[in-house]
Amino acid sequence: MAKKAVASMQKGEGRAYAKVIKMVKSPKTGAYMFEEQIVHNDDVKAYLAK
Protein backbone atom coordinates (compact mmCIF):
# COMPACT_ATOMS: atom_id res chain seq x y z
CA MET A 1 0.00 0.00 0.00
CA ALA A 2 1.42 3.37 -1.00
CA LYS A 3 1.74 6.26 1.38
CA LYS A 4 -0.68 9.11 0.88
CA ALA A 5 2.06 11.52 -0.28
CA VAL A 6 3.15 9.15 -3.02
CA ALA A 7 -0.39 8.20 -4.03
CA SER A 8 -1.44 11.83 -4.42
CA MET A 9 1.46 12.50 -6.81
CA GLN A 10 -0.09 10.21 -9.45
CA LYS A 11 -2.62 12.83 -10.58
CA GLY A 12 -2.07 15.93 -12.73
CA GLU A 13 1.04 17.95 -11.99
CA GLY A 14 2.22 15.52 -9.32
CA ARG A 15 4.39 13.71 -11.87
CA ALA A 16 6.67 16.75 -11.88
CA TYR A 17 7.81 15.79 -8.37
CA ALA A 18 9.92 12.93 -7.04
CA LYS A 19 10.37 11.48 -3.57
CA VAL A 20 14.09 11.58 -2.83
CA ILE A 21 15.70 9.48 -0.09
CA LYS A 22 19.17 10.59 0.93
CA MET A 23 21.54 8.81 3.33
CA VAL A 24 23.36 11.19 5.71
CA LYS A 25 25.83 10.57 8.50
CA SER A 26 24.92 11.88 11.95
CA PRO A 27 27.59 14.19 13.35
CA LYS A 28 26.86 13.09 16.94
CA THR A 29 26.80 9.30 16.72
CA GLY A 30 28.38 8.62 13.35
CA ALA A 31 25.43 6.40 12.41
CA TYR A 32 23.74 6.77 9.04
CA MET A 33 20.19 8.13 8.81
CA PHE A 34 17.79 8.52 5.90
CA GLU A 35 16.22 11.86 4.95
CA GLU A 36 13.09 11.78 2.79
CA GLN A 37 11.80 14.79 0.90
CA ILE A 38 9.53 15.48 -2.06
CA VAL A 39 11.45 17.58 -4.60
CA HIS A 40 10.64 18.96 -8.05
CA ASN A 41 12.24 16.86 -10.83
CA ASP A 42 14.45 19.77 -11.92
CA ASP A 43 15.94 20.13 -8.43
CA VAL A 44 16.76 16.47 -7.68
CA LYS A 45 20.44 16.66 -8.61
CA ALA A 46 20.92 19.89 -6.65
CA TYR A 47 19.28 18.33 -3.57
CA LEU A 48 21.50 15.26 -3.71
CA ALA A 49 24.63 17.37 -4.22
CA LYS A 50 24.15 19.16 -0.88
C-alpha atoms as a PDB file:
ATOM      1  CA  MET A   1       0.000   0.000   0.000  1.00  0.00           C
ATOM      2  CA  ALA A   2       1.424   3.368  -1.002  1.00  0.00           C
ATOM      3  CA  LYS A   3       1.742   6.258   1.384  1.00  0.00           C
ATOM      4  CA  LYS A   4      -0.684   9.111   0.883  1.00  0.00           C
ATOM      5  CA  ALA A   5       2.061  11.524  -0.280  1.00  0.00           C
ATOM      6  CA  VAL A   6       3.145   9.149  -3.023  1.00  0.00           C
ATOM      7  CA  ALA A   7      -0.394   8.203  -4.033  1.00  0.00           C
ATOM      8  CA  SER A   8      -1.444  11.833  -4.424  1.00  0.00           C
ATOM      9  CA  MET A   9       1.458  12.499  -6.813  1.00  0.00           C
ATOM     10  CA  GLN A  10      -0.086  10.212  -9.452  1.00  0.00           C
ATOM     11  CA  LYS A  11      -2.620  12.835 -10.584  1.00  0.00           C
ATOM     12  CA  GLY A  12      -2.069  15.932 -12.727  1.00  0.00           C
ATOM     13  CA  GLU A  13       1.044  17.953 -11.992  1.00  0.00           C
ATOM     14  CA  GLY A  14       2.221  15.522  -9.324  1.00  0.00           C
ATOM     15  CA  ARG A  15       4.385  13.715 -11.867  1.00  0.00           C
ATOM     16  CA  ALA A  16       6.671  16.747 -11.881  1.00  0.00           C
ATOM     17  CA  TYR A  17       7.809  15.793  -8.366  1.00  0.00           C
ATOM     18  CA  ALA A  18       9.917  12.932  -7.039  1.00  0.00           C
ATOM     19  CA  LYS A  19      10.366  11.479  -3.574  1.00  0.00           C
ATOM     20  CA  VAL A  20      14.093  11.579  -2.829  1.00  0.00           C
ATOM     21  CA  ILE A  21      15.696   9.477  -0.095  1.00  0.00           C
ATOM     22  CA  LYS A  22      19.174  10.591   0.926  1.00  0.00           C
ATOM     23  CA  MET A  23      21.540   8.815   3.330  1.00  0.00           C
ATOM     24  CA  VAL A  24      23.357  11.190   5.706  1.00  0.00           C
ATOM     25  CA  LYS A  25      25.831  10.567   8.498  1.00  0.00           C
ATOM     26  CA  SER A  26      24.916  11.877  11.954  1.00  0.00           C
ATOM     27  CA  PRO A  27      27.592  14.191  13.352  1.00  0.00           C
ATOM     28  CA  LYS A  28      26.861  13.091  16.940  1.00  0.00           C
ATOM     29  CA  THR A  29      26.803   9.300  16.723  1.00  0.00           C
ATOM     30  CA  GLY A  30      28.379   8.617  13.347  1.00  0.00           C
ATOM     31  CA  ALA A  31      25.426   6.400  12.410  1.00  0.00           C
ATOM     32  CA  TYR A  32      23.742   6.773   9.036  1.00  0.00           C
ATOM     33  CA  MET A  33      20.189   8.128   8.807  1.00  0.00           C
ATOM     34  CA  PHE A  34      17.791   8.520   5.905  1.00  0.00           C
ATOM     35  CA  GLU A  35      16.220  11.858   4.949  1.00  0.00           C
ATOM     36  CA  GLU A  36      13.093  11.782   2.792  1.00  0.00           C
ATOM     37  CA  GLN A  37      11.796  14.786   0.902  1.00  0.00           C
ATOM     38  CA  ILE A  38       9.530  15.476  -2.063  1.00  0.00           C
ATOM     39  CA  VAL A  39      11.447  17.582  -4.598  1.00  0.00           C
ATOM     40  CA  HIS A  40      10.641  18.961  -8.052  1.00  0.00           C
ATOM     41  CA  ASN A  41      12.242  16.865 -10.825  1.00  0.00           C
ATOM     42  CA  ASP A  42      14.450  19.775 -11.921  1.00  0.00           C
ATOM     43  CA  ASP A  43      15.938  20.128  -8.430  1.00  0.00           C
ATOM     44  CA  VAL A  44      16.755  16.467  -7.678  1.00  0.00           C
ATOM     45  CA  LYS A  45      20.444  16.662  -8.609  1.00  0.00           C
ATOM     46  CA  ALA A  46      20.920  19.890  -6.651  1.00  0.00           C
ATOM     47  CA  TYR A  47      19.278  18.327  -3.571  1.00  0.00           C
ATOM     48  CA  LEU A  48      21.498  15.257  -3.711  1.00  0.00           C
ATOM     49  CA  ALA A  49      24.628  17.369  -4.218  1.00  0.00           C
ATOM     50  CA  LYS A  50      24.147  19.165  -0.876  1.00  0.00           C
END
